[in-house]
Amino acid sequence: MKLTVRKKLAHHFPKMKHNLQDLLERVSFHSQQVAASSEELTASSDLTRQTAENVSQSIQGIAASNRLIKE
């Protein structure tokens, strides 16, 4: 009986190995996709921050102009 179990394991081992290799390849691929998306998100966040700073400076400039006009 033990020999039968060993034969079954030996028979299925190459399939297990293939499945594990496939899983590792998929994890690697998706990890690269996550890293690329993270870089894009960082770049987008930086652009949003810069835009918000520009809007803030513009509003401050308008407010300063309004104060000068009222004086």
PDB file of N, CA and C in Angstrom:
ATOM      1  N   MET A   1       0.813  -1.187   0.000  1.00  0.00           N
ATOM      2  CA  MET A   1       0.000   0.000   0.000  1.00  0.00           C
ATOM      3  C   MET A   1       0.857   1.252   0.000  1.00  0.00           C
ATOM      4  N   LYS A   2       1.921   1.270   0.780  1.00  0.00           N
ATOM      5  CA  LYS A   2       2.797   2.430   0.806  1.00  0.00           C
ATOM      6  C   LYS A   2       3.426   2.671  -0.562  1.00  0.00           C
ATOM      7  N   LEU A   3       3.722   1.650  -1.265  1.00  0.00           N
ATOM      8  CA  LEU A   3       4.312   1.786  -2.593  1.00  0.00           C
ATOM      9  C   LEU A   3       3.337   2.462  -3.542  1.00  0.00           C
ATOM     10  N   THR A   4       2.084   2.189  -3.415  1.00  0.00           N
ATOM     11  CA  THR A   4       1.075   2.800  -4.259  1.00  0.00           C
ATOM     12  C   THR A   4       0.998   4.306  -3.987  1.00  0.00           C
ATOM     13  N   VAL A   5       1.051   4.672  -2.733  1.00  0.00           N
ATOM     14  CA  VAL A   5       1.005   6.084  -2.377  1.00  0.00           C
ATOM     15  C   VAL A   5       2.242   6.780  -2.941  1.00  0.00           C
ATOM     16  N   ARG A   6       3.391   6.162  -2.806  1.00  0.00           N
ATOM     17  CA  ARG A   6       4.628   6.744  -3.342  1.00  0.00           C
ATOM     18  C   ARG A   6       4.557   6.867  -4.859  1.00  0.00           C
ATOM     19  N   LYS A   7       3.999   5.881  -5.517  1.00  0.00           N
ATOM     20  CA  LYS A   7       3.865   5.942  -6.973  1.00  0.00           C
ATOM     21  C   LYS A   7       2.936   7.088  -7.373  1.00  0.00           C
ATOM     22  N   LYS A   8       1.857   7.243  -6.621  1.00  0.00           N
ATOM     23  CA  LYS A   8       0.927   8.335  -6.914  1.00  0.00           C
ATOM     24  C   LYS A   8       1.604   9.693  -6.711  1.00  0.00           C
ATOM     25  N   LEU A   9       2.331   9.800  -5.601  1.00  0.00           N
ATOM     26  CA  LEU A   9       3.047  11.049  -5.352  1.00  0.00           C
ATOM     27  C   LEU A   9       4.080  11.308  -6.447  1.00  0.00           C
ATOM     28  N   ALA A  10       4.822  10.302  -6.800  1.00  0.00           N
ATOM     29  CA  ALA A  10       5.829  10.441  -7.852  1.00  0.00           C
ATOM     30  C   ALA A  10       5.188  10.808  -9.179  1.00  0.00           C
ATOM     31  N   HIS A  11       4.034  10.277  -9.429  1.00  0.00           N
ATOM     32  CA  HIS A  11       3.323  10.555 -10.667  1.00  0.00           C
ATOM     33  C   HIS A  11       2.836  12.009 -10.705  1.00  0.00           C
ATOM     34  N   HIS A  12       2.365  12.517  -9.580  1.00  0.00           N
ATOM     35  CA  HIS A  12       1.792  13.859  -9.530  1.00  0.00           C
ATOM     36  C   HIS A  12       2.821  14.955  -9.217  1.00  0.00           C
ATOM     37  N   PHE A  13       3.997  14.579  -8.813  1.00  0.00           N
ATOM     38  CA  PHE A  13       5.004  15.563  -8.441  1.00  0.00           C
ATOM     39  C   PHE A  13       5.362  16.513  -9.586  1.00  0.00           C
ATOM     40  N   PRO A  14       5.580  16.034 -10.820  1.00  0.00           N
ATOM     41  CA  PRO A  14       5.886  16.969 -11.911  1.00  0.00           C
ATOM     42  C   PRO A  14       4.767  17.993 -12.146  1.00  0.00           C
ATOM     43  N   LYS A  15       3.518  17.589 -11.996  1.00  0.00           N
ATOM     44  CA  LYS A  15       2.395  18.518 -12.153  1.00  0.00           C
ATOM     45  C   LYS A  15       2.403  19.556 -11.035  1.00  0.00           C
ATOM     46  N   MET A  16       2.692  19.116  -9.814  1.00  0.00           N
ATOM     47  CA  MET A  16       2.790  20.062  -8.702  1.00  0.00           C
ATOM     48  C   MET A  16       3.911  21.066  -8.963  1.00  0.00           C
ATOM     49  N   LYS A  17       5.033  20.560  -9.439  1.00  0.00           N
ATOM     50  CA  LYS A  17       6.175  21.432  -9.730  1.00  0.00           C
ATOM     51  C   LYS A  17       5.794  22.453 -10.805  1.00  0.00           C
ATOM     52  N   HIS A  18       5.129  21.997 -11.838  1.00  0.00           N
ATOM     53  CA  HIS A  18       4.694  22.893 -12.909  1.00  0.00           C
ATOM     54  C   HIS A  18       3.716  23.950 -12.380  1.00  0.00           C
ATOM     55  N   ASN A  19       2.779  23.520 -11.552  1.00  0.00           N
ATOM     56  CA  ASN A  19       1.797  24.457 -10.987  1.00  0.00           C
ATOM     57  C   ASN A  19       2.473  25.504 -10.109  1.00  0.00           C
ATOM     58  N   LEU A  20       3.459  25.093  -9.328  1.00  0.00           N
ATOM     59  CA  LEU A  20       4.181  26.043  -8.480  1.00  0.00           C
ATOM     60  C   LEU A  20       4.974  27.038  -9.326  1.00  0.00           C
ATOM     61  N   GLN A  21       5.617  26.542 -10.380  1.00  0.00           N
ATOM     62  CA  GLN A  21       6.362  27.444 -11.269  1.00  0.00           C
ATOM     63  C   GLN A  21       5.419  28.451 -11.921  1.00  0.00           C
ATOM     64  N   ASP A  22       4.265  27.974 -12.350  1.00  0.00           N
ATOM     65  CA  ASP A  22       3.268  28.846 -12.964  1.00  0.00           C
ATOM     66  C   ASP A  22       2.794  29.891 -11.963  1.00  0.00           C
ATOM     67  N   LEU A  23       2.544  29.473 -10.745  1.00  0.00           N
ATOM     68  CA  LEU A  23       2.111  30.395  -9.702  1.00  0.00           C
ATOM     69  C   LEU A  23       3.175  31.468  -9.449  1.00  0.00           C
ATOM     70  N   LEU A  24       4.434  31.070  -9.346  1.00  0.00           N
ATOM     71  CA  LEU A  24       5.514  32.029  -9.120  1.00  0.00           C
ATOM     72  C   LEU A  24       5.651  33.014 -10.273  1.00  0.00           C
ATOM     73  N   GLU A  25       5.490  32.534 -11.486  1.00  0.00           N
ATOM     74  CA  GLU A  25       5.548  33.425 -12.642  1.00  0.00           C
ATOM     75  C   GLU A  25       4.407  34.438 -12.612  1.00  0.00           C
ATOM     76  N   ARG A  26       3.224  33.986 -12.248  1.00  0.00           N
ATOM     77  CA  ARG A  26       2.074  34.897 -12.172  1.00  0.00           C
ATOM     78  C   ARG A  26       2.263  35.934 -11.067  1.00  0.00           C
ATOM     79  N   VAL A  27       2.758  35.492  -9.916  1.00  0.00           N
ATOM     80  CA  VAL A  27       3.009  36.414  -8.806  1.00  0.00           C
ATOM     81  C   VAL A  27       4.044  37.452  -9.224  1.00  0.00           C
ATOM     82  N   SER A  28       5.092  37.011  -9.896  1.00  0.00           N
ATOM     83  CA  SER A  28       6.132  37.929 -10.363  1.00  0.00           C
ATOM     84  C   SER A  28       5.550  38.946 -11.345  1.00  0.00           C
ATOM     85  N   PHE A  29       4.766  38.475 -12.300  1.00  0.00           N
ATOM     86  CA  PHE A  29       4.154  39.356 -13.290  1.00  0.00           C
ATOM     87  C   PHE A  29       3.270  40.402 -12.614  1.00  0.00           C
ATOM     88  N   HIS A  30       2.413  39.946 -11.718  1.00  0.00           N
ATOM     89  CA  HIS A  30       1.482  40.870 -11.068  1.00  0.00           C
ATOM     90  C   HIS A  30       2.218  41.817 -10.113  1.00  0.00           C
ATOM     91  N   SER A  31       3.295  41.361  -9.525  1.00  0.00           N
ATOM     92  CA  SER A  31       4.104  42.243  -8.684  1.00  0.00           C
ATOM     93  C   SER A  31       4.691  43.375  -9.514  1.00  0.00           C
ATOM     94  N   GLN A  32       5.137  43.057 -10.706  1.00  0.00           N
ATOM     95  CA  GLN A  32       5.668  44.085 -11.603  1.00  0.00           C
ATOM     96  C   GLN A  32       4.562  45.063 -12.002  1.00  0.00           C
ATOM     97  N   GLN A  33       3.368  44.554 -12.229  1.00  0.00           N
ATOM     98  CA  GLN A  33       2.240  45.417 -12.574  1.00  0.00           C
ATOM     99  C   GLN A  33       1.897  46.356 -11.419  1.00  0.00           C
ATOM    100  N   VAL A  34       1.924  45.834 -10.206  1.00  0.00           N
ATOM    101  CA  VAL A  34       1.643  46.661  -9.033  1.00  0.00           C
ATOM    102  C   VAL A  34       2.718  47.736  -8.886  1.00  0.00           C
ATOM    103  N   ALA A  35       3.973  47.370  -9.096  1.00  0.00           N
ATOM    104  CA  ALA A  35       5.067  48.347  -8.994  1.00  0.00           C
ATOM    105  C   ALA A  35       4.910  49.451 -10.037  1.00  0.00           C
ATOM    106  N   ALA A  36       4.562  49.079 -11.258  1.00  0.00           N
ATOM    107  CA  ALA A  36       4.372  50.076 -12.318  1.00  0.00           C
ATOM    108  C   ALA A  36       3.184  50.991 -11.985  1.00  0.00           C
ATOM    109  N   SER A  37       2.110  50.426 -11.495  1.00  0.00           N
ATOM    110  CA  SER A  37       0.941  51.229 -11.114  1.00  0.00           C
ATOM    111  C   SER A  37       1.287  52.165  -9.965  1.00  0.00           C
ATOM    112  N   SER A  38       2.088  51.689  -9.052  1.00  0.00           N
ATOM    113  CA  SER A  38       2.511  52.515  -7.921  1.00  0.00           C
ATOM    114  C   SER A  38       3.329  53.711  -8.394  1.00  0.00           C
ATOM    115  N   GLU A  39       4.218  53.477  -9.352  1.00  0.00           N
ATOM    116  CA  GLU A  39       5.012  54.573  -9.908  1.00  0.00           C
ATOM    117  C   GLU A  39       4.116  55.601 -10.600  1.00  0.00           C
ATOM    118  N   GLU A  40       3.137  55.120 -11.348  1.00  0.00           N
ATOM    119  CA  GLU A  40       2.202  56.028 -12.021  1.00  0.00           C
ATOM    120  C   GLU A  40       1.394  56.826 -11.009  1.00  0.00           C
ATOM    121  N   LEU A  41       0.959  56.173  -9.949  1.00  0.00           N
ATOM    122  CA  LEU A  41       0.195  56.855  -8.915  1.00  0.00           C
ATOM    123  C   LEU A  41       1.043  57.919  -8.217  1.00  0.00           C
ATOM    124  N   THR A  42       2.306  57.602  -7.980  1.00  0.00           N
ATOM    125  CA  THR A  42       3.213  58.574  -7.364  1.00  0.00           C
ATOM    126  C   THR A  42       3.383  59.785  -8.268  1.00  0.00           C
ATOM    127  N   ALA A  43       3.591  59.547  -9.552  1.00  0.00           N
ATOM    128  CA  ALA A  43       3.744  60.657 -10.500  1.00  0.00           C
ATOM    129  C   ALA A  43       2.471  61.500 -10.560  1.00  0.00           C
ATOM    130  N   SER A  44       1.337  60.843 -10.574  1.00  0.00           N
ATOM    131  CA  SER A  44       0.056  61.552 -10.612  1.00  0.00           C
ATOM    132  C   SER A  44      -0.151  62.363  -9.340  1.00  0.00           C
ATOM    133  N   SER A  45       0.219  61.801  -8.214  1.00  0.00           N
ATOM    134  CA  SER A  45       0.088  62.518  -6.938  1.00  0.00           C
ATOM    135  C   SER A  45       0.987  63.746  -6.912  1.00  0.00           C
ATOM    136  N   ASP A  46       2.198  63.616  -7.433  1.00  0.00           N
ATOM    137  CA  ASP A  46       3.110  64.761  -7.497  1.00  0.00           C
ATOM    138  C   ASP A  46       2.533  65.863  -8.378  1.00  0.00           C
ATOM    139  N   LEU A  47       1.963  65.486  -9.504  1.00  0.00           N
ATOM    140  CA  LEU A  47       1.359  66.468 -10.406  1.00  0.00           C
ATOM    141  C   LEU A  47       0.169  67.158  -9.732  1.00  0.00           C
ATOM    142  N   THR A  48      -0.637  66.385  -9.026  1.00  0.00           N
ATOM    143  CA  THR A  48      -1.773  66.964  -8.310  1.00  0.00           C
ATOM    144  C   THR A  48      -1.297  67.940  -7.242  1.00  0.00           C
ATOM    145  N   ARG A  49      -0.252  67.572  -6.516  1.00  0.00           N
ATOM    146  CA  ARG A  49       0.298  68.457  -5.491  1.00  0.00           C
ATOM    147  C   ARG A  49       0.801  69.755  -6.108  1.00  0.00           C
ATOM    148  N   GLN A  50       1.536  69.659  -7.215  1.00  0.00           N
ATOM    149  CA  GLN A  50       2.052  70.849  -7.885  1.00  0.00           C
ATOM    150  C   GLN A  50       0.907  71.744  -8.368  1.00  0.00           C
ATOM    151  N   THR A  51      -0.110  71.130  -8.918  1.00  0.00           N
ATOM    152  CA  THR A  51      -1.263  71.890  -9.397  1.00  0.00           C
ATOM    153  C   THR A  51      -1.956  72.599  -8.235  1.00  0.00           C
ATOM    154  N   ALA A  52      -2.118  71.903  -7.121  1.00  0.00           N
ATOM    155  CA  ALA A  52      -2.751  72.509  -5.944  1.00  0.00           C
ATOM    156  C   ALA A  52      -1.913  73.689  -5.438  1.00  0.00           C
ATOM    157  N   GLU A  53      -0.603  73.551  -5.460  1.00  0.00           N
ATOM    158  CA  GLU A  53       0.262  74.658  -5.046  1.00  0.00           C
ATOM    159  C   GLU A  53       0.103  75.854  -5.983  1.00  0.00           C
ATOM    160  N   ASN A  54       0.031  75.591  -7.283  1.00  0.00           N
ATOM    161  CA  ASN A  54      -0.152  76.672  -8.259  1.00  0.00           C
ATOM    162  C   ASN A  54      -1.494  77.379  -8.055  1.00  0.00           C
ATOM    163  N   VAL A  55      -2.542  76.616  -7.810  1.00  0.00           N
ATOM    164  CA  VAL A  55      -3.866  77.200  -7.569  1.00  0.00           C
ATOM    165  C   VAL A  55      -3.822  78.052  -6.300  1.00  0.00           C
ATOM    166  N   SER A  56      -3.176  77.541  -5.269  1.00  0.00           N
ATOM    167  CA  SER A  56      -3.061  78.282  -4.015  1.00  0.00           C
ATOM    168  C   SER A  56      -2.314  79.598  -4.223  1.00  0.00           C
ATOM    169  N   GLN A  57      -1.229  79.557  -4.971  1.00  0.00           N
ATOM    170  CA  GLN A  57      -0.469  80.784  -5.251  1.00  0.00           C
ATOM    171  C   GLN A  57      -1.305  81.773  -6.061  1.00  0.00           C
ATOM    172  N   SER A  58      -2.072  81.253  -7.014  1.00  0.00           N
ATOM    173  CA  SER A  58      -2.932  82.130  -7.809  1.00  0.00           C
ATOM    174  C   SER A  58      -3.988  82.803  -6.939  1.00  0.00           C
ATOM    175  N   ILE A  59      -4.592  82.036  -6.050  1.00  0.00           N
ATOM    176  CA  ILE A  59      -5.609  82.591  -5.160  1.00  0.00           C
ATOM    177  C   ILE A  59      -4.981  83.646  -4.247  1.00  0.00           C
ATOM    178  N   GLN A  60      -3.790  83.365  -3.749  1.00  0.00           N
ATOM    179  CA  GLN A  60      -3.106  84.345  -2.898  1.00  0.00           C
ATOM    180  C   GLN A  60      -2.801  85.625  -3.682  1.00  0.00           C
ATOM    181  N   GLY A  61      -2.412  85.457  -4.929  1.00  0.00           N
ATOM    182  CA  GLY A  61      -2.141  86.619  -5.779  1.00  0.00           C
ATOM    183  C   GLY A  61      -3.392  87.446  -6.018  1.00  0.00           C
ATOM    184  N   ILE A  62      -4.497  86.786  -6.266  1.00  0.00           N
ATOM    185  CA  ILE A  62      -5.774  87.485  -6.495  1.00  0.00           C
ATOM    186  C   ILE A  62      -6.181  88.208  -5.214  1.00  0.00           C
ATOM    187  N   ALA A  63      -6.030  87.542  -4.080  1.00  0.00           N
ATOM    188  CA  ALA A  63      -6.393  88.161  -2.811  1.00  0.00           C
ATOM    189  C   ALA A  63      -5.520  89.396  -2.541  1.00  0.00           C
ATOM    190  N   ALA A  64      -4.243  89.290  -2.840  1.00  0.00           N
ATOM    191  CA  ALA A  64      -3.344  90.442  -2.644  1.00  0.00           C
ATOM    192  C   ALA A  64      -3.739  91.579  -3.567  1.00  0.00           C
ATOM    193  N   SER A  65      -4.100  91.266  -4.796  1.00  0.00           N
ATOM    194  CA  SER A  65      -4.534  92.296  -5.735  1.00  0.00           C
ATOM    195  C   SER A  65      -5.804  92.978  -5.253  1.00  0.00           C
ATOM    196  N   ASN A  66      -6.733  92.201  -4.732  1.00  0.00           N
ATOM    197  CA  ASN A  66      -7.980  92.755  -4.212  1.00  0.00           C
ATOM    198  C   ASN A  66      -7.720  93.675  -3.037  1.00  0.00           C
ATOM    199  N   ARG A  67      -6.776  93.333  -2.200  1.00  0.00           N
ATOM    200  CA  ARG A  67      -6.442  94.195  -1.056  1.00  0.00           C
ATOM    201  C   ARG A  67      -5.868  95.519  -1.534  1.00  0.00           C
ATOM    202  N   LEU A  68      -5.014  95.459  -2.577  1.00  0.00           N
ATOM    203  CA  LEU A  68      -4.415  96.684  -3.118  1.00  0.00           C
ATOM    204  C   LEU A  68      -5.478  97.583  -3.739  1.00  0.00           C
ATOM    205  N   ILE A  69      -6.423  96.963  -4.419  1.00  0.00           N
ATOM    206  CA  ILE A  69      -7.485  97.741  -5.074  1.00  0.00           C
ATOM    207  C   ILE A  69      -8.355  98.429  -4.023  1.00  0.00           C
ATOM    208  N   LYS A  70      -8.626  97.760  -2.920  1.00  0.00           N
ATOM    209  CA  LYS A  70      -9.488  98.318  -1.867  1.00  0.00           C
ATOM    210  C   LYS A  70      -8.800  99.438  -1.099  1.00  0.00           C
ATOM    211  N   GLU A  71      -7.477  99.476  -1.115  1.00  0.00           N
ATOM    212  CA  GLU A  71      -6.754 100.504  -0.330  1.00  0.00           C
ATOM    213  C   GLU A  71      -6.796 101.840  -0.974  1.00  0.00           C
TER     214      GLU A  71
END
